[in-house]
Amino acid sequence: MVELVERAGLLHGYLEDQLFTPTIRRGREIIWKRGAALTGRPYLARAAEEHSGPHAPWFWFGNLQGGGVLNDMMCHSVEVARFLLTEPGKPRQSIRPVKVTAQIASLKWSRPEYAAWLREHMDPRLDYEHHPAEDFARATIEFVDEDGRTLIAETTTSWSYVGPGLRLTAELLGPEYSLQVNSLDTGARLFFSRRVQGEAARISSKSRMPSRAGCRWWATKRPNTATNGKTATSCVASLKDVSRRKTSTQAWKWSNCS
């Protein structure tokens, strides 16, 4: 595709913004410094970008846009998954793709009632009943790292999502930890099992959350009360503002990390 664009003498570029969202960057940093340092590198990443379809009429024409949602948005999901699986400070070539499987489908907008809606509201020339572009795409990418270990990225993108606008999700899993990000939530969630122990498990004052974020932790083995002072051996951190509260049955110990 790049060769065709350059041959035609057109300006081209690729703008990536999802890698710079605070939850992705901060969550990745904590996962690699804490979980990966103590129990091994992550091995599975998932990323998805989903909304209900483009707003510009021309975007629905596969022959003008170059395809459907695969061409529109899949690059972002692939890059987020690769970014999460790549060790901070190492080049992107430190993990190498060796196998790709993918699927496309027209799930929603080729149905008669939705194809009619496109003709009425977007462009009367659109015929998604007979000539649709895909509104769903997914891909599984198998990587190997520098030690030959298998890593998997699962990516999804959709114009057939039903919900409040755009949803960006990401997930990263390793031997004893996980990270989950959902743009429709207010932050990221990280989990570390009780096996994540050692000096790297300590969060120093320099590693605190951004000033407007808070943390919450809870133990896998919950204490009888929230104030008995026991140390949580397994915990979940939620990178979002939380209100302080105490009840006699609450198993959470709240702390402000800002």
Protein backbone atom coordinates (compact mmCIF):
# COMPACT_ATOMS: atom_id res chain seq x y z
CA MET A 1 0.00 0.00 0.00
CA VAL A 2 2.84 2.38 0.85
CA GLU A 3 4.51 1.62 -2.47
CA LEU A 4 1.31 2.49 -4.36
CA VAL A 5 0.92 5.77 -2.45
CA GLU A 6 4.52 6.78 -3.07
CA ARG A 7 4.27 5.80 -6.74
CA ALA A 8 1.24 8.09 -7.06
CA GLY A 9 3.16 10.96 -5.47
CA LEU A 10 0.68 11.41 -2.62
CA LEU A 11 1.42 12.63 0.87
CA HIS A 12 1.05 9.87 3.44
CA GLY A 13 1.67 9.23 7.08
CA TYR A 14 0.60 7.20 10.07
CA LEU A 15 -0.55 8.95 13.24
CA GLU A 16 -0.52 6.83 16.38
CA ASP A 17 -2.06 8.30 19.50
CA GLN A 18 -3.18 5.34 21.60
CA LEU A 19 0.34 4.54 22.82
CA PHE A 20 0.49 7.87 24.61
CA THR A 21 -2.61 7.52 26.76
CA PRO A 22 -1.61 7.72 30.45
CA THR A 23 -3.21 4.40 31.43
CA ILE A 24 -1.40 2.47 28.68
CA ARG A 25 1.99 4.01 29.42
CA ARG A 26 1.75 3.92 33.20
CA GLY A 27 0.20 0.47 33.31
CA ARG A 28 2.91 -0.91 31.02
CA GLU A 29 5.62 0.69 33.12
CA ILE A 30 4.35 -0.83 36.37
CA ILE A 31 3.76 -4.27 34.82
CA TRP A 32 7.31 -4.49 33.44
CA LYS A 33 9.04 -3.03 36.53
CA ARG A 34 7.06 -5.07 39.00
CA GLY A 35 5.46 -8.22 37.60
CA ALA A 36 7.80 -9.01 34.70
CA ALA A 37 10.93 -8.25 36.74
CA LEU A 38 9.95 -10.82 39.36
CA THR A 39 8.04 -13.54 37.49
CA GLY A 40 8.92 -13.24 33.79
CA ARG A 41 7.93 -11.29 30.71
CA PRO A 42 4.31 -10.96 29.53
CA TYR A 43 3.20 -13.40 26.85
CA LEU A 44 -0.30 -12.35 25.74
CA ALA A 45 -1.64 -8.95 24.72
CA ARG A 46 -5.11 -8.03 23.52
CA ALA A 47 -6.19 -4.73 21.99
CA ALA A 48 -9.41 -3.54 20.39
CA GLU A 49 -10.83 -0.35 18.88
CA GLU A 50 -14.58 -0.30 18.31
CA HIS A 51 -17.28 2.20 17.40
CA SER A 52 -20.54 2.26 15.43
CA GLY A 53 -19.11 3.40 12.10
CA PRO A 54 -17.63 6.41 10.28
CA HIS A 55 -19.34 9.80 10.18
CA ALA A 56 -18.19 10.81 6.68
CA PRO A 57 -20.16 9.29 3.75
CA TRP A 58 -17.11 8.63 1.57
CA PHE A 59 -15.58 6.45 4.28
CA TRP A 60 -18.24 3.78 3.71
CA PHE A 61 -17.14 3.25 0.09
CA GLY A 62 -14.60 0.45 0.10
CA ASN A 63 -13.27 1.48 -3.32
CA LEU A 64 -12.53 5.00 -2.03
CA GLN A 65 -11.36 4.25 1.50
CA GLY A 66 -9.35 1.21 0.49
CA GLY A 67 -11.49 -1.32 2.31
CA GLY A 68 -13.44 -1.28 5.54
CA VAL A 69 -12.62 -1.30 9.21
CA LEU A 70 -9.51 -3.47 8.76
CA ASN A 71 -7.84 -0.76 6.73
CA ASP A 72 -9.35 1.98 8.87
CA MET A 73 -8.32 1.05 12.41
CA MET A 74 -6.53 -2.29 12.75
CA CYS A 75 -3.10 -0.65 12.67
CA HIS A 76 -3.78 0.96 16.06
CA SER A 77 -4.78 -2.26 17.80
CA VAL A 78 -1.78 -4.10 16.39
CA GLU A 79 0.58 -1.36 17.55
CA VAL A 80 -0.86 -1.23 21.06
CA ALA A 81 -0.47 -4.99 21.47
CA ARG A 82 3.08 -4.90 20.13
CA PHE A 83 3.94 -1.98 22.43
CA LEU A 84 2.68 -3.80 25.51
CA LEU A 85 4.65 -6.95 24.66
CA THR A 86 7.89 -5.08 23.98
CA GLU A 87 10.20 -4.59 26.94
CA PRO A 88 10.66 -0.88 27.73
CA GLY A 89 13.98 0.42 26.44
CA LYS A 90 14.33 -2.28 23.79
CA PRO A 91 13.76 -1.69 20.06
CA ARG A 92 10.59 -2.85 18.40
CA GLN A 93 12.68 -5.45 16.55
CA SER A 94 13.29 -7.24 19.86
CA ILE A 95 10.08 -9.16 19.21
CA ARG A 96 9.55 -10.54 15.72
CA PRO A 97 6.25 -11.53 14.04
CA VAL A 98 6.36 -15.05 12.60
CA LYS A 99 2.71 -15.84 11.87
CA VAL A 100 -0.48 -13.88 11.24
CA THR A 101 -4.04 -15.17 10.96
CA ALA A 102 -6.93 -12.80 10.30
CA GLN A 103 -10.65 -12.64 9.59
CA ILE A 104 -13.03 -10.01 8.23
CA ALA A 105 -16.82 -9.98 8.15
CA SER A 106 -19.78 -7.72 7.53
CA LEU A 107 -21.91 -8.35 10.59
CA LYS A 108 -24.27 -5.40 10.94
CA TRP A 109 -24.26 -2.90 8.10
CA SER A 110 -25.05 -5.41 5.34
CA ARG A 111 -28.38 -6.26 6.98
CA PRO A 112 -31.24 -4.83 4.89
CA GLU A 113 -32.49 -2.34 7.47
CA TYR A 114 -29.00 -0.94 8.15
CA ALA A 115 -28.04 -0.92 4.48
CA ALA A 116 -31.17 1.16 3.89
CA TRP A 117 -30.15 3.53 6.67
CA LEU A 118 -26.78 4.07 4.99
CA ARG A 119 -28.44 4.88 1.68
CA GLU A 120 -30.77 7.37 3.35
CA HIS A 121 -28.34 9.09 5.72
CA MET A 122 -24.93 8.68 4.10
CA ASP A 123 -25.13 8.32 0.31
CA PRO A 124 -27.86 6.91 -1.97
CA ARG A 125 -25.20 5.12 -4.02
CA LEU A 126 -24.17 2.90 -1.11
CA ASP A 127 -25.27 -0.71 -1.57
CA TYR A 128 -24.13 -2.60 1.50
CA GLU A 129 -26.57 -5.43 0.89
CA HIS A 130 -24.63 -6.48 -2.22
CA HIS A 131 -21.29 -4.65 -2.01
CA PRO A 132 -20.35 -4.16 1.64
CA ALA A 133 -17.00 -3.35 3.14
CA GLU A 134 -16.14 -5.27 6.29
CA ASP A 135 -17.41 -3.82 9.57
CA PHE A 136 -15.51 -6.31 11.74
CA ALA A 137 -11.93 -7.56 11.65
CA ARG A 138 -9.68 -9.50 13.94
CA ALA A 139 -6.13 -10.80 13.78
CA THR A 140 -3.88 -13.05 15.82
CA ILE A 141 -0.18 -12.32 15.55
CA GLU A 142 2.43 -14.73 16.83
CA PHE A 143 5.73 -13.16 17.84
CA VAL A 144 8.97 -14.59 19.17
CA ASP A 145 11.22 -12.70 21.54
CA GLU A 146 15.01 -12.64 21.65
CA ASP A 147 15.05 -15.93 23.58
CA GLY A 148 12.75 -17.66 21.12
CA ARG A 149 9.70 -17.62 23.40
CA THR A 150 6.26 -17.42 21.81
CA LEU A 151 4.19 -14.28 22.37
CA ILE A 152 0.63 -13.76 21.15
CA ALA A 153 -1.22 -10.58 20.20
CA GLU A 154 -5.00 -10.72 19.68
CA THR A 155 -6.43 -7.64 18.00
CA THR A 156 -9.97 -6.63 17.10
CA THR A 157 -11.54 -3.66 15.38
CA SER A 158 -15.17 -2.95 14.57
CA TRP A 159 -17.70 -0.57 13.03
CA SER A 160 -20.51 -2.68 14.49
CA TYR A 161 -19.98 -1.90 18.17
CA VAL A 162 -23.03 -0.71 20.11
CA GLY A 163 -22.24 1.49 23.10
CA PRO A 164 -21.39 5.03 24.23
CA GLY A 165 -19.13 6.16 21.41
CA LEU A 166 -15.61 4.84 20.95
CA ARG A 167 -14.32 1.97 23.06
CA LEU A 168 -10.58 1.28 23.30
CA THR A 169 -9.58 -1.77 25.28
CA ALA A 170 -6.24 -3.37 26.05
CA GLU A 171 -5.11 -6.30 28.14
CA LEU A 172 -1.69 -7.70 29.02
CA LEU A 173 -1.09 -11.00 30.77
CA GLY A 174 2.05 -12.54 32.23
CA PRO A 175 2.88 -15.45 34.55
CA GLU A 176 1.54 -13.82 37.74
CA TYR A 177 -0.03 -10.51 36.72
CA SER A 178 -2.40 -8.76 34.35
CA LEU A 179 -3.31 -5.30 33.09
CA GLN A 180 -6.72 -4.19 31.80
CA VAL A 181 -7.58 -0.85 30.21
CA ASN A 182 -10.98 0.29 28.96
CA SER A 183 -11.46 3.85 27.71
CA LEU A 184 -15.08 3.77 28.88
CA ASP A 185 -13.89 3.18 32.43
CA THR A 186 -11.97 5.79 34.37
CA GLY A 187 -8.62 4.05 34.63
CA ALA A 188 -6.55 0.90 34.37
CA ARG A 189 -6.64 -2.19 36.57
CA LEU A 190 -3.50 -4.15 37.48
CA PHE A 191 -3.34 -7.44 39.37
CA PHE A 192 -0.35 -9.14 40.98
CA SER A 193 -0.54 -12.57 42.60
CA ARG A 194 1.13 -13.37 45.92
CA ARG A 195 4.09 -14.77 44.01
CA VAL A 196 5.14 -11.26 43.01
CA GLN A 197 7.51 -10.70 45.91
CA GLY A 198 10.87 -8.97 46.19
CA GLU A 199 12.47 -5.57 46.03
CA ALA A 200 11.02 -4.79 42.59
CA ALA A 201 7.56 -5.19 44.10
CA ARG A 202 8.01 -2.06 46.19
CA ILE A 203 6.64 1.19 44.77
CA SER A 204 8.96 4.03 45.64
CA SER A 205 7.96 7.65 45.98
CA LYS A 206 9.38 8.25 42.50
CA SER A 207 7.03 5.62 41.07
CA ARG A 208 3.82 7.09 42.39
CA MET A 209 0.78 7.66 40.24
CA PRO A 210 0.16 10.95 38.45
CA SER A 211 -1.09 13.68 40.74
CA ARG A 212 -4.78 13.23 39.88
CA ALA A 213 -4.81 9.45 40.20
CA GLY A 214 -5.40 7.23 43.19
CA CYS A 215 -4.83 3.57 43.97
CA ARG A 216 -6.78 0.83 45.58
CA TRP A 217 -5.43 -2.47 46.79
CA TRP A 218 -7.16 -5.53 48.17
CA ALA A 219 -5.86 -8.81 49.46
CA THR A 220 -6.61 -12.17 47.95
CA LYS A 221 -6.99 -13.43 51.50
CA ARG A 222 -9.17 -10.69 52.88
CA PRO A 223 -8.74 -9.73 56.53
CA ASN A 224 -11.74 -9.74 58.84
CA THR A 225 -11.77 -5.97 59.04
CA ALA A 226 -10.27 -3.18 57.00
CA THR A 227 -8.22 -1.81 59.88
CA ASN A 228 -6.37 -4.78 61.33
CA GLY A 229 -3.13 -3.72 59.64
CA LYS A 230 -2.40 -6.96 57.83
CA THR A 231 -0.28 -6.68 54.70
CA ALA A 232 -1.92 -7.65 51.43
CA THR A 233 0.04 -10.39 49.66
CA SER A 234 -1.98 -10.15 46.48
CA CYS A 235 -3.35 -6.89 45.28
CA VAL A 236 -5.12 -5.03 42.56
CA ALA A 237 -4.26 -1.43 41.76
CA SER A 238 -6.83 0.75 40.07
CA LEU A 239 -5.35 3.86 38.45
CA LYS A 240 -8.28 6.14 39.02
CA ASP A 241 -9.65 8.58 41.53
CA VAL A 242 -11.27 6.84 44.45
CA SER A 243 -13.10 8.25 47.42
CA ARG A 244 -11.91 7.31 50.87
CA ARG A 245 -14.38 5.29 52.84
CA LYS A 246 -14.37 2.84 55.75
CA THR A 247 -16.87 0.23 56.85
CA SER A 248 -16.61 -2.56 59.36
CA THR A 249 -16.85 -5.22 56.63
CA GLN A 250 -14.75 -3.54 53.98
CA ALA A 251 -11.78 -5.60 52.79
CA TRP A 252 -10.09 -2.73 50.98
CA LYS A 253 -7.31 -0.57 52.31
CA TRP A 254 -7.42 2.77 50.54
CA SER A 255 -4.39 4.94 50.05
CA ASN A 256 -3.81 8.10 48.07
CA CYS A 257 -0.74 7.66 45.88
CA SER A 258 -0.67 11.19 44.53
